[in-house]
């Protein structure tokens, strides 16, 4: 335990155990089985045995099943392939999680920078880290700072502190939305019908941005994508945004047409232009929301910040303000000289 304290508190080495089975490549299978019987009751897991050289450097790991299927006089060197997965002592607990998820191992060896085997970390030890990491990401994505202790143990003051800061930031951000509405006050007074579709427009952009942000942040957490993949993601999201925007834009136009023709609401003689304003705006805003939601995590990661901070409320607020500008600008193109 004292040796573990010598490692950084965030290091995966703080979770390792020295109770494992190590063998030598010049040993026979029979000798390895004898070693298992000798120390097997003390070790954390026997799924894999770790082959080391005379300097205790890890050179391979062998599944117990492979050992049991081999002849007793077979040398370990004959059944090794020198292919193994290991984590260095300097690796953080958070960075070590993907190794367990990718390789589906019950335990992984921990080595020094020189390759010396110093211990193993079992999946039981890393599960708490995975749970903590996922909890923090979910909390940040919900627009609050991660809680330091479980919800039931968090005091009222601490709860307000953790949640209040983001609410204040988002509140001030939403003031920009109100300012944008005020800037287009003349347009709204001349064509009140435009105001009817403001919630529809900004919510569609915010929803598309939140979807994209969720997908990208999770893909980053699973190491499916990294900073180098930003161009691939951008191209994919451009086409995705265009398709989704076109679908919503068509629905928006048809809704106005059907409501007008059926007599549910009178949009006036220029209803086709109102429909075009809404339809084209939806295409552009959904595209913009999708791009914003997918690119903000890359920007934050480039700045060495946690991508999970680009939470749904943050992206939605960003798209709200810009969405209004896009909407009224498009409406100006179609309705100037008519309603405006």
Protein backbone atom coordinates (compact mmCIF):
# COMPACT_ATOMS: atom_id res chain seq x y z
CA UNK A 1 0.00 0.00 0.00
CA UNK A 2 2.86 2.40 0.80
CA UNK A 3 4.37 1.78 -2.64
CA UNK A 4 1.08 2.74 -4.28
CA UNK A 5 1.12 6.10 -2.48
CA UNK A 6 4.29 6.92 -4.40
CA UNK A 7 2.28 7.22 -7.61
CA UNK A 8 0.19 10.20 -8.68
CA UNK A 9 -3.29 10.12 -7.13
CA UNK A 10 -4.85 10.24 -10.61
CA UNK A 11 -2.60 7.45 -11.94
CA UNK A 12 -3.94 4.01 -12.77
CA UNK A 13 -1.04 2.64 -10.72
CA UNK A 14 -2.88 3.69 -7.54
CA UNK A 15 -5.47 0.98 -8.29
CA UNK A 16 -3.10 -1.88 -9.05
CA UNK A 17 -2.50 -4.98 -6.97
CA UNK A 18 0.76 -6.98 -6.66
CA UNK A 19 -1.18 -10.23 -6.35
CA UNK A 20 -0.89 -11.94 -9.73
CA UNK A 21 0.95 -14.88 -11.28
CA UNK A 22 4.12 -14.24 -13.24
CA UNK A 23 6.10 -16.95 -15.00
CA UNK A 24 9.28 -17.26 -17.08
CA UNK A 25 9.48 -18.20 -20.75
CA UNK A 26 12.03 -20.97 -20.05
CA UNK A 27 9.63 -22.72 -17.68
CA UNK A 28 7.59 -25.74 -18.72
CA UNK A 29 3.82 -25.89 -18.55
CA UNK A 30 4.14 -28.36 -15.66
CA UNK A 31 6.20 -25.90 -13.62
CA UNK A 32 3.68 -23.14 -14.32
CA UNK A 33 0.83 -25.32 -13.07
CA UNK A 34 2.83 -26.00 -9.92
CA UNK A 35 3.30 -22.23 -9.48
CA UNK A 36 -0.45 -21.72 -9.85
CA UNK A 37 -1.17 -24.26 -7.11
CA UNK A 38 1.44 -22.61 -4.91
CA UNK A 39 0.26 -18.99 -5.08
CA UNK A 40 -3.17 -19.27 -6.71
CA UNK A 41 -5.16 -18.65 -3.53
CA UNK A 42 -3.48 -15.27 -2.98
CA UNK A 43 -3.92 -13.73 -6.43
CA UNK A 44 -6.76 -11.49 -7.65
CA UNK A 45 -7.35 -13.38 -10.90
CA UNK A 46 -5.90 -16.32 -12.80
CA UNK A 47 -7.43 -15.56 -16.20
CA UNK A 48 -4.01 -14.62 -17.52
CA UNK A 49 -0.46 -15.40 -16.47
CA UNK A 50 2.28 -12.85 -17.17
CA UNK A 51 5.56 -13.89 -18.76
CA UNK A 52 8.60 -11.84 -17.69
CA UNK A 53 12.32 -11.93 -18.45
CA UNK A 54 15.23 -11.93 -16.02
CA UNK A 55 14.77 -8.17 -15.44
CA UNK A 56 11.07 -8.61 -14.71
CA UNK A 57 10.13 -6.92 -17.99
CA UNK A 58 6.81 -8.08 -19.38
CA UNK A 59 7.20 -9.98 -22.65
CA UNK A 60 3.80 -11.66 -22.99
CA UNK A 61 0.64 -12.83 -21.27
CA UNK A 62 -0.93 -16.27 -21.59
CA UNK A 63 -4.55 -17.23 -21.03
CA UNK A 64 -4.99 -19.97 -18.44
CA UNK A 65 -7.00 -21.97 -20.96
CA UNK A 66 -4.06 -22.08 -23.38
CA UNK A 67 -1.84 -23.36 -20.59
CA UNK A 68 -4.24 -26.14 -19.61
CA UNK A 69 -4.53 -27.34 -23.22
CA UNK A 70 -0.75 -27.57 -23.72
CA UNK A 71 1.39 -30.62 -22.94
CA UNK A 72 3.13 -30.54 -19.56
CA UNK A 73 6.64 -30.67 -21.06
CA UNK A 74 5.96 -27.77 -23.45
CA UNK A 75 8.12 -24.70 -22.87
CA UNK A 76 6.31 -21.41 -22.31
CA UNK A 77 8.41 -19.84 -25.07
CA UNK A 78 6.74 -22.23 -27.51
CA UNK A 79 3.22 -20.95 -26.82
CA UNK A 80 3.94 -17.24 -26.53
CA UNK A 81 3.44 -14.80 -29.41
CA UNK A 82 4.96 -11.69 -27.75
CA UNK A 83 1.70 -9.84 -28.31
CA UNK A 84 0.08 -8.32 -25.25
CA UNK A 85 -1.75 -5.26 -23.97
CA UNK A 86 -0.38 -3.29 -21.02
CA UNK A 87 -0.90 0.10 -19.37
CA UNK A 88 1.95 2.28 -18.11
CA UNK A 89 2.07 3.52 -14.53
CA UNK A 90 1.84 7.15 -15.71
CA UNK A 91 -1.49 6.59 -17.48
CA UNK A 92 -4.40 8.36 -15.79
CA UNK A 93 -7.37 6.39 -14.49
CA UNK A 94 -9.62 8.10 -17.03
CA UNK A 95 -7.34 7.26 -19.96
CA UNK A 96 -7.07 3.64 -18.80
CA UNK A 97 -10.83 3.02 -19.01
CA UNK A 98 -10.91 2.60 -22.84
CA UNK A 99 -8.32 -0.21 -22.61
CA UNK A 100 -10.75 -2.34 -20.60
CA UNK A 101 -13.66 -1.44 -22.87
CA UNK A 102 -11.71 -2.21 -26.04
CA UNK A 103 -9.96 -5.43 -25.06
CA UNK A 104 -12.65 -6.89 -22.77
CA UNK A 105 -10.16 -8.17 -20.18
CA UNK A 106 -10.83 -9.06 -16.55
CA UNK A 107 -7.41 -7.60 -15.70
CA UNK A 108 -4.60 -5.72 -17.43
CA UNK A 109 -0.91 -5.55 -16.48
CA UNK A 110 0.70 -2.31 -15.32
CA UNK A 111 4.27 -1.64 -16.46
CA UNK A 112 6.83 1.12 -16.00
CA UNK A 113 8.18 3.19 -18.89
CA UNK A 114 11.01 0.62 -19.06
CA UNK A 115 8.52 -2.21 -19.46
CA UNK A 116 8.94 -3.67 -15.96
CA UNK A 117 5.83 -5.42 -14.65
CA UNK A 118 4.78 -3.88 -11.32
CA UNK A 119 1.18 -5.05 -10.90
CA UNK A 120 -2.22 -5.57 -12.47
CA UNK A 121 -5.54 -3.72 -12.36
CA UNK A 122 -8.74 -5.77 -12.37
CA UNK A 123 -12.03 -4.77 -13.93
CA UNK A 124 -13.57 -4.59 -10.43
CA UNK A 125 -11.14 -1.81 -9.53
CA UNK A 126 -11.80 0.16 -12.71
CA UNK A 127 -15.62 -0.13 -12.60
CA UNK A 128 -15.87 2.60 -9.96
CA UNK A 129 -13.79 4.88 -12.19
CA UNK A 130 -16.03 4.11 -15.19
CA UNK A 131 -19.15 4.88 -13.14
CA UNK A 132 -17.67 8.12 -11.81
CA UNK A 133 -16.53 9.19 -15.28
CA UNK A 134 -19.92 8.49 -16.86
CA UNK A 135 -21.72 10.28 -14.03
CA UNK A 136 -19.56 13.39 -14.42
CA UNK A 137 -20.13 13.45 -18.18
CA UNK A 138 -23.90 13.15 -17.77
CA UNK A 139 -23.98 15.90 -15.14
CA UNK A 140 -21.86 18.24 -17.25
CA UNK A 141 -23.96 17.52 -20.30
CA UNK A 142 -27.02 18.51 -18.30
CA UNK A 143 -25.57 21.96 -17.74
CA UNK A 144 -24.09 21.73 -14.23
CA UNK A 145 -20.77 21.09 -12.56
CA UNK A 146 -20.06 17.49 -11.59
CA UNK A 147 -21.09 16.65 -8.01
CA UNK A 148 -18.23 15.67 -5.69
CA UNK A 149 -20.37 13.26 -3.65
CA UNK A 150 -23.57 11.26 -4.34
CA UNK A 151 -26.78 13.26 -4.81
CA UNK A 152 -28.24 12.17 -1.46
CA UNK A 153 -25.13 13.41 0.36
CA UNK A 154 -24.93 16.79 -1.40
CA UNK A 155 -25.96 19.72 0.80
CA UNK A 156 -28.42 22.41 -0.33
CA UNK A 157 -25.69 25.06 -0.49
CA UNK A 158 -23.42 22.81 -2.54
CA UNK A 159 -26.29 21.91 -4.87
CA UNK A 160 -27.03 25.59 -5.50
CA UNK A 161 -23.34 26.32 -6.13
CA UNK A 162 -22.98 23.45 -8.60
CA UNK A 163 -26.15 24.27 -10.53
CA UNK A 164 -26.38 28.03 -10.12
CA UNK A 165 -23.28 29.04 -12.06
CA UNK A 166 -24.35 27.36 -15.29
CA UNK A 167 -27.92 28.64 -14.91
CA UNK A 168 -26.61 32.20 -14.55
CA UNK A 169 -24.34 31.80 -17.58
CA UNK A 170 -27.18 30.37 -19.67
CA UNK A 171 -29.54 33.08 -18.40
CA UNK A 172 -27.22 35.83 -19.59
CA UNK A 173 -26.77 33.96 -22.87
CA UNK A 174 -30.53 33.86 -23.37
CA UNK A 175 -30.55 37.64 -22.95
CA UNK A 176 -28.86 37.72 -26.34
CA UNK A 177 -31.92 35.93 -27.72
CA UNK A 178 -34.14 38.66 -26.29
CA UNK A 179 -31.83 41.30 -27.78
CA UNK A 180 -32.03 39.60 -31.17
CA UNK A 181 -35.84 39.62 -30.95
CA UNK A 182 -35.71 43.34 -30.14
CA UNK A 183 -33.46 44.01 -33.11
CA UNK A 184 -36.09 42.54 -35.44
CA UNK A 185 -38.99 44.30 -33.69
CA UNK A 186 -39.98 46.24 -36.82
CA UNK A 187 -40.17 43.06 -38.89
CA UNK A 188 -42.32 41.38 -36.24
CA UNK A 189 -44.72 44.35 -36.08
CA UNK A 190 -45.11 44.40 -39.86
CA UNK A 191 -45.50 40.64 -40.17
CA UNK A 192 -46.81 39.29 -36.86
CA UNK A 193 -47.18 35.88 -38.48
CA UNK A 194 -43.37 35.50 -38.36
CA UNK A 195 -43.45 35.47 -34.54
CA UNK A 196 -45.71 32.40 -34.58
CA UNK A 197 -42.88 30.23 -35.87
CA UNK A 198 -40.05 31.50 -33.65
CA UNK A 199 -40.41 28.64 -31.08
CA UNK A 200 -40.56 26.11 -33.91
CA UNK A 201 -37.47 27.52 -35.59
CA UNK A 202 -35.17 27.87 -32.59
CA UNK A 203 -36.20 24.57 -30.97
CA UNK A 204 -35.46 22.67 -34.19
CA UNK A 205 -31.98 24.18 -34.33
CA UNK A 206 -31.35 23.52 -30.64
CA UNK A 207 -32.57 19.93 -30.87
CA UNK A 208 -30.39 19.15 -33.89
CA UNK A 209 -27.39 20.71 -32.14
CA UNK A 210 -28.00 18.71 -28.97
CA UNK A 211 -28.27 15.49 -30.98
CA UNK A 212 -24.98 16.13 -32.77
CA UNK A 213 -23.19 17.14 -29.55
CA UNK A 214 -24.40 13.99 -27.78
CA UNK A 215 -23.15 11.72 -30.57
CA UNK A 216 -19.76 13.40 -30.89
CA UNK A 217 -19.06 13.62 -27.15
CA UNK A 218 -19.88 9.94 -26.69
CA UNK A 219 -17.78 8.96 -29.72
CA UNK A 220 -14.87 10.93 -28.23
CA UNK A 221 -15.33 9.24 -24.85
CA UNK A 222 -15.16 5.82 -26.53
CA UNK A 223 -12.13 7.00 -28.57
CA UNK A 224 -13.98 6.28 -31.81
CA UNK A 225 -12.91 9.72 -33.05
CA UNK A 226 -10.20 12.24 -32.13
CA UNK A 227 -9.13 15.75 -33.06
CA UNK A 228 -7.73 14.53 -36.38
CA UNK A 229 -11.21 13.40 -37.44
CA UNK A 230 -12.80 16.87 -37.35
CA UNK A 231 -12.95 17.20 -41.15
CA UNK A 232 -14.53 13.77 -41.55
CA UNK A 233 -17.14 14.67 -38.91
CA UNK A 234 -17.82 18.06 -40.48
CA UNK A 235 -18.45 16.57 -43.92
CA UNK A 236 -20.72 13.90 -42.46
CA UNK A 237 -22.68 16.40 -40.37
CA UNK A 238 -23.09 18.81 -43.30
CA UNK A 239 -24.91 16.17 -45.33
CA UNK A 240 -26.81 14.94 -42.26
CA UNK A 241 -27.88 18.50 -41.42
CA UNK A 242 -29.00 19.17 -44.98
CA UNK A 243 -31.10 16.00 -45.11
CA UNK A 244 -32.67 16.58 -41.70
CA UNK A 245 -33.23 20.27 -42.42
CA UNK A 246 -34.86 19.47 -45.75
CA UNK A 247 -37.24 17.02 -44.08
CA UNK A 248 -38.25 19.53 -41.39
CA UNK A 249 -38.38 22.36 -43.93
CA UNK A 250 -40.77 20.41 -46.15
CA UNK A 251 -42.95 19.55 -43.15
CA UNK A 252 -42.98 23.22 -42.09
CA UNK A 253 -44.02 24.42 -45.55
CA UNK A 254 -46.72 21.74 -45.86
CA UNK A 255 -48.06 22.62 -42.42
CA UNK A 256 -48.54 26.26 -43.44
CA UNK A 257 -50.11 25.28 -46.77
CA UNK A 258 -52.53 22.76 -45.23
CA UNK A 259 -53.56 25.05 -42.36
CA UNK A 260 -54.14 27.93 -44.79
CA UNK A 261 -56.04 25.93 -47.41
CA UNK A 262 -58.14 24.12 -44.79
CA UNK A 263 -59.08 27.41 -43.17
CA UNK A 264 -57.48 26.65 -39.80
CA UNK A 265 -55.46 29.88 -40.01
CA UNK A 266 -55.31 32.72 -42.50
CA UNK A 267 -51.69 33.48 -43.36
CA UNK A 268 -52.74 36.05 -45.95
CA UNK A 269 -52.23 36.25 -49.70
CA UNK A 270 -48.48 35.86 -49.34
CA UNK A 271 -48.68 32.55 -47.48
CA UNK A 272 -46.40 30.76 -50.01
CA UNK A 273 -43.62 33.22 -49.18
CA UNK A 274 -44.23 32.77 -45.47
CA UNK A 275 -43.98 29.02 -46.04
CA UNK A 276 -40.75 29.45 -48.00
CA UNK A 277 -39.34 31.64 -45.23
CA UNK A 278 -40.06 28.97 -42.64
CA UNK A 279 -38.95 26.05 -44.84
CA UNK A 280 -35.65 27.56 -45.98
CA UNK A 281 -34.93 28.85 -42.47
CA UNK A 282 -35.40 25.36 -41.06
CA UNK A 283 -32.92 23.92 -43.56
CA UNK A 284 -30.29 26.51 -42.70
CA UNK A 285 -30.86 26.48 -38.94
CA UNK A 286 -30.86 22.69 -38.62
CA UNK A 287 -27.67 22.61 -40.69
CA UNK A 288 -26.12 25.29 -38.48
CA UNK A 289 -27.28 23.54 -35.30
CA UNK A 290 -25.84 20.22 -36.46
CA UNK A 291 -22.50 21.81 -37.34
CA UNK A 292 -22.35 23.75 -34.06
CA UNK A 293 -23.19 20.72 -31.95
CA UNK A 294 -20.58 18.57 -33.67
CA UNK A 295 -17.75 21.12 -33.84
CA UNK A 296 -17.95 22.70 -30.36
CA UNK A 297 -16.64 19.49 -28.69
CA UNK A 298 -13.63 19.53 -31.05
CA UNK A 299 -12.92 23.17 -30.21
CA UNK A 300 -13.11 22.51 -26.46
CA UNK A 301 -10.87 19.46 -26.74
CA UNK A 302 -8.34 21.48 -28.76
CA UNK A 303 -8.36 24.04 -25.93
CA UNK A 304 -7.67 21.20 -23.43
CA UNK A 305 -11.17 21.51 -21.96
CA UNK A 306 -13.68 18.74 -21.27
CA UNK A 307 -15.88 18.22 -24.38
CA UNK A 308 -18.77 17.23 -22.12
CA UNK A 309 -18.93 20.90 -21.12
CA UNK A 310 -20.50 21.61 -24.53
CA UNK A 311 -23.74 20.49 -22.96
CA UNK A 312 -27.11 20.48 -24.63
CA UNK A 313 -28.20 23.75 -22.94
CA UNK A 314 -25.02 25.52 -24.06
CA UNK A 315 -25.34 24.42 -27.69
CA UNK A 316 -29.08 25.12 -27.68
CA UNK A 317 -28.50 28.67 -26.41
CA UNK A 318 -25.88 29.30 -29.08
CA UNK A 319 -28.23 28.12 -31.82
CA UNK A 320 -31.17 30.09 -30.37
CA UNK A 321 -29.45 33.45 -30.92
CA UNK A 322 -27.97 32.68 -34.32
CA UNK A 323 -31.16 30.90 -35.38
CA UNK A 324 -33.21 34.06 -34.92
CA UNK A 325 -30.76 36.03 -37.04
CA UNK A 326 -30.94 33.39 -39.79
CA UNK A 327 -34.75 33.21 -39.62
CA UNK A 328 -35.44 36.93 -39.91
CA UNK A 329 -32.72 37.38 -42.53
CA UNK A 330 -34.30 34.68 -44.71
CA UNK A 331 -37.76 36.14 -44.09
CA UNK A 332 -36.44 39.51 -45.22
CA UNK A 333 -35.31 38.01 -48.54
CA UNK A 334 -38.72 36.45 -49.28
CA UNK A 335 -41.08 39.03 -47.76
CA UNK A 336 -39.44 42.40 -48.46
CA UNK A 337 -41.85 44.39 -50.63
CA UNK A 338 -44.71 42.12 -49.59
CA UNK A 339 -45.28 41.93 -45.85
CA UNK A 340 -42.09 43.79 -44.93
